Amino acid sequence: MSSTIGVQNIAHTNGTNAMTVDSSGRVLQPTKPAFMARGYGSLNTASSLTVNSITPASSIQIAKSFTIVDVNVGSSFNNTTGKFTCPVAGLYQVMYHIGYKAGVEYTETHLFLTSSDSVDYGYITQWTPNIATQGVYDGSGATILINASANQEFAIGFDTSSGYTTPLAGSSVKEHFSFGAYLIG
C-alpha cells in the first residue's frame, strides 16, 4: 500500500516559502544558502584576518573582492572579506577551480573550512604544477563535503611566498577562478 501527499508548497508557519513542487515534479528550494563568486580582485593581506578563529600563516592570503558574485542566496557570502558564513548547521558542498595562473610557478591553494584547520595548510591544500619546470598548464579544483555548524566560515587562500603564484585576478579574467558553496541539507 502506498500513500501520496499532493502539495505545491511547503512553508514555515510564518509564511516563508521553503519548498515548491512544480507540475513536473521538480522540487525547488529558493532560500537554500548558496554562493558562487568568480574572478577575485585582490588578496586580504591583513595579518589579523581569521577564519573560524584560525589566523592563516603569514604567507597565505585570502581571496576577496570577487569580480562577480553570481549567486548569494541568503547574503551569507561577504565579498569584502572573501568569507562565507554558514547561516545554519548542515552538510555543505564547497568547491573551487583555477583555470589559469598569474605566473609559471606553483599555485598552492588552501581551503579554510573548520576550526581545527592547520594554519599552514587549511583543511585541504592542493598544488598546481610549476609550468617552468614541468611544462604543463594544468588547472586545479576540488569539491569538498563539510558537516558545518551555524556561523562556521569558509574561505580560500593562496600561498604568496617566493616560488608560488596565484590565479589570474581582475575583472578581465573572471572565468579563470571560482569559489562557491551550498547547503545540501
Protein backbone atom coordinates (compact mmCIF):
# COMPACT_ATOMS: atom_id res chain seq x y z
CA MET A 1 0.00 0.00 0.00
CA SER A 2 1.40 3.40 -0.92
CA SER A 3 0.45 6.92 0.07
CA THR A 4 0.74 10.16 -1.85
CA ILE A 5 0.79 13.64 -0.43
CA GLY A 6 -0.29 16.18 -3.02
CA VAL A 7 1.18 19.60 -2.31
CA GLN A 8 2.60 22.51 -4.27
CA ASN A 9 4.22 24.49 -1.45
CA ILE A 10 5.75 23.79 1.92
CA ALA A 11 6.14 26.83 4.14
CA HIS A 12 7.14 27.74 7.67
CA THR A 13 4.29 28.75 9.97
CA ASN A 14 5.41 32.37 9.50
CA GLY A 15 4.58 32.09 5.78
CA THR A 16 8.17 31.81 4.45
CA ASN A 17 8.07 29.50 1.44
CA ALA A 18 10.63 26.72 1.97
CA MET A 19 9.88 24.36 -0.90
CA THR A 20 7.84 24.28 -4.08
CA VAL A 21 6.93 21.28 -6.23
CA ASP A 22 6.13 22.29 -9.80
CA SER A 23 3.72 20.48 -12.13
CA SER A 24 6.58 18.33 -13.50
CA GLY A 25 7.56 17.15 -10.02
CA ARG A 26 10.70 19.28 -9.71
CA VAL A 27 11.45 20.37 -6.14
CA LEU A 28 12.65 23.94 -5.71
CA GLN A 29 14.17 25.35 -2.52
CA PRO A 30 14.51 29.08 -3.14
CA THR A 31 16.05 30.01 0.22
CA LYS A 32 18.70 27.27 0.45
CA PRO A 33 22.03 29.00 1.33
CA ALA A 34 24.44 29.11 -1.60
CA PHE A 35 27.07 31.31 -3.22
CA MET A 36 29.32 31.32 -6.28
CA ALA A 37 31.94 34.01 -6.89
CA ARG A 38 34.32 34.37 -9.83
CA GLY A 39 37.48 36.31 -10.60
CA TYR A 40 38.87 37.62 -7.32
CA GLY A 41 40.08 41.21 -7.34
CA SER A 42 42.61 41.15 -4.52
CA LEU A 43 44.05 39.20 -1.62
CA ASN A 44 43.45 40.05 2.03
CA THR A 45 46.82 41.00 3.43
CA ALA A 46 45.60 41.83 6.93
CA SER A 47 47.56 39.75 9.42
CA SER A 48 44.59 39.85 11.78
CA LEU A 49 42.26 38.05 9.34
CA THR A 50 40.87 34.92 10.93
CA VAL A 51 38.72 32.12 9.58
CA ASN A 52 36.94 30.05 12.26
CA SER A 53 39.28 31.63 14.87
CA ILE A 54 42.36 30.50 12.93
CA THR A 55 44.88 33.03 11.62
CA PRO A 56 46.47 31.55 8.48
CA ALA A 57 50.28 31.60 8.17
CA SER A 58 51.66 34.97 7.06
CA SER A 59 52.41 33.71 3.53
CA ILE A 60 48.76 32.68 2.96
CA GLN A 61 46.37 35.37 1.81
CA ILE A 62 42.59 35.02 1.45
CA ALA A 63 40.95 35.86 -1.90
CA LYS A 64 38.39 38.68 -1.72
CA SER A 65 36.74 41.39 -3.83
CA PHE A 66 35.49 38.96 -6.45
CA THR A 67 34.63 40.48 -9.84
CA ILE A 68 31.25 38.76 -9.96
CA VAL A 69 29.19 37.17 -7.23
CA ASP A 70 26.84 35.14 -9.44
CA VAL A 71 24.87 33.60 -6.57
CA ASN A 72 24.49 34.73 -2.97
CA VAL A 73 21.25 33.20 -1.67
CA GLY A 74 20.74 34.48 1.88
CA SER A 75 23.61 37.01 1.58
CA SER A 76 25.95 34.76 3.58
CA PHE A 77 28.98 35.48 1.37
CA ASN A 78 30.88 38.66 2.24
CA ASN A 79 32.79 39.87 -0.81
CA THR A 80 34.77 42.38 1.29
CA THR A 81 36.38 39.62 3.38
CA GLY A 82 36.02 36.71 0.95
CA LYS A 83 34.31 34.59 3.64
CA PHE A 84 31.07 32.61 3.51
CA THR A 85 29.36 32.21 6.90
CA CYS A 86 27.05 29.19 7.24
CA PRO A 87 23.67 30.53 8.37
CA VAL A 88 22.50 27.09 9.55
CA ALA A 89 24.12 23.81 10.53
CA GLY A 90 24.16 21.09 7.90
CA LEU A 91 26.09 19.31 5.17
CA TYR A 92 27.67 21.78 2.71
CA GLN A 93 29.46 21.27 -0.59
CA VAL A 94 32.42 23.61 -1.11
CA MET A 95 34.20 23.90 -4.45
CA TYR A 96 36.78 25.93 -6.33
CA HIS A 97 38.51 25.88 -9.69
CA ILE A 98 41.60 27.53 -11.15
CA GLY A 99 41.72 27.70 -14.92
CA TYR A 100 44.78 29.88 -15.42
CA LYS A 101 47.59 31.17 -13.23
CA ALA A 102 49.28 34.56 -12.94
CA GLY A 103 52.78 33.10 -13.49
CA VAL A 104 54.71 29.92 -14.18
CA GLU A 105 55.35 28.94 -10.54
CA TYR A 106 53.35 26.51 -8.42
CA THR A 107 49.95 27.58 -7.15
CA GLU A 108 49.29 26.39 -3.61
CA THR A 109 45.59 26.63 -2.76
CA HIS A 110 44.27 26.41 0.82
CA LEU A 111 40.64 25.91 1.78
CA PHE A 112 39.89 27.07 5.32
CA LEU A 113 36.69 25.34 6.44
CA THR A 114 36.83 24.30 10.13
CA SER A 115 38.15 25.49 13.50
CA SER A 116 40.73 22.68 13.58
CA ASP A 117 42.40 23.54 10.26
CA SER A 118 46.18 23.84 10.01
CA VAL A 119 47.43 27.44 9.93
CA ASP A 120 49.90 26.32 7.22
CA TYR A 121 47.61 24.20 5.04
CA GLY A 122 43.98 24.86 5.96
CA TYR A 123 41.51 22.00 5.77
CA ILE A 124 42.77 20.84 2.40
CA THR A 125 45.63 22.05 0.20
CA GLN A 126 46.24 21.49 -3.48
CA TRP A 127 49.18 22.37 -5.70
CA THR A 128 49.00 23.25 -9.37
CA PRO A 129 52.22 22.30 -11.25
CA ASN A 130 55.13 24.61 -11.97
CA ILE A 131 54.90 25.39 -15.68
CA ALA A 132 58.57 26.40 -15.90
CA THR A 133 59.93 23.05 -14.67
CA GLN A 134 57.11 20.64 -15.52
CA GLY A 135 55.94 22.12 -18.81
CA VAL A 136 52.24 21.75 -18.07
CA TYR A 137 49.42 24.26 -17.87
CA ASP A 138 47.18 22.19 -15.59
CA GLY A 139 44.49 23.98 -13.64
CA SER A 140 43.18 22.65 -10.39
CA GLY A 141 39.98 22.32 -8.48
CA ALA A 142 38.36 20.50 -5.61
CA THR A 143 34.94 19.60 -4.26
CA ILE A 144 34.66 19.01 -0.52
CA LEU A 145 31.78 17.97 1.74
CA ILE A 146 31.76 19.58 5.19
CA ASN A 147 29.42 18.95 8.10
CA ALA A 148 29.27 22.54 9.32
CA SER A 149 27.76 24.26 12.31
CA ALA A 150 25.90 27.55 12.18
CA ASN A 151 28.32 30.50 11.82
CA GLN A 152 31.16 28.31 10.56
CA GLU A 153 33.19 30.13 7.89
CA PHE A 154 34.59 29.06 4.51
CA ALA A 155 37.42 30.91 2.75
CA ILE A 156 40.05 30.20 0.10
CA GLY A 157 43.64 31.36 0.29
CA PHE A 158 46.86 31.15 -1.68
CA ASP A 159 50.49 30.87 -0.66
CA THR A 160 52.14 34.07 -1.86
CA SER A 161 55.71 33.31 -0.77
CA SER A 162 58.58 33.05 -3.25
CA GLY A 163 58.13 30.27 -5.80
CA TYR A 164 54.34 30.42 -5.77
CA THR A 165 51.81 32.29 -7.86
CA THR A 166 48.06 32.85 -7.70
CA PRO A 167 45.22 32.52 -10.20
CA LEU A 168 44.87 35.48 -12.53
CA ALA A 169 42.98 38.28 -10.84
CA GLY A 170 40.87 41.16 -12.07
CA SER A 171 37.72 41.91 -13.96
CA SER A 172 39.03 40.77 -17.34
CA VAL A 173 39.78 37.23 -16.14
CA LYS A 174 36.69 36.31 -14.15
CA GLU A 175 36.43 32.98 -16.00
CA HIS A 176 39.76 31.70 -14.66
CA PHE A 177 38.90 31.27 -10.98
CA SER A 178 35.77 30.47 -8.98
CA PHE A 179 34.85 29.67 -5.38
CA GLY A 180 31.46 28.55 -4.07
CA ALA A 181 29.44 26.56 -1.55
CA TYR A 182 25.88 25.48 -0.90
CA LEU A 183 23.83 23.69 1.72
CA ILE A 184 22.98 20.14 0.70
CA GLY A 185 20.82 19.53 3.72
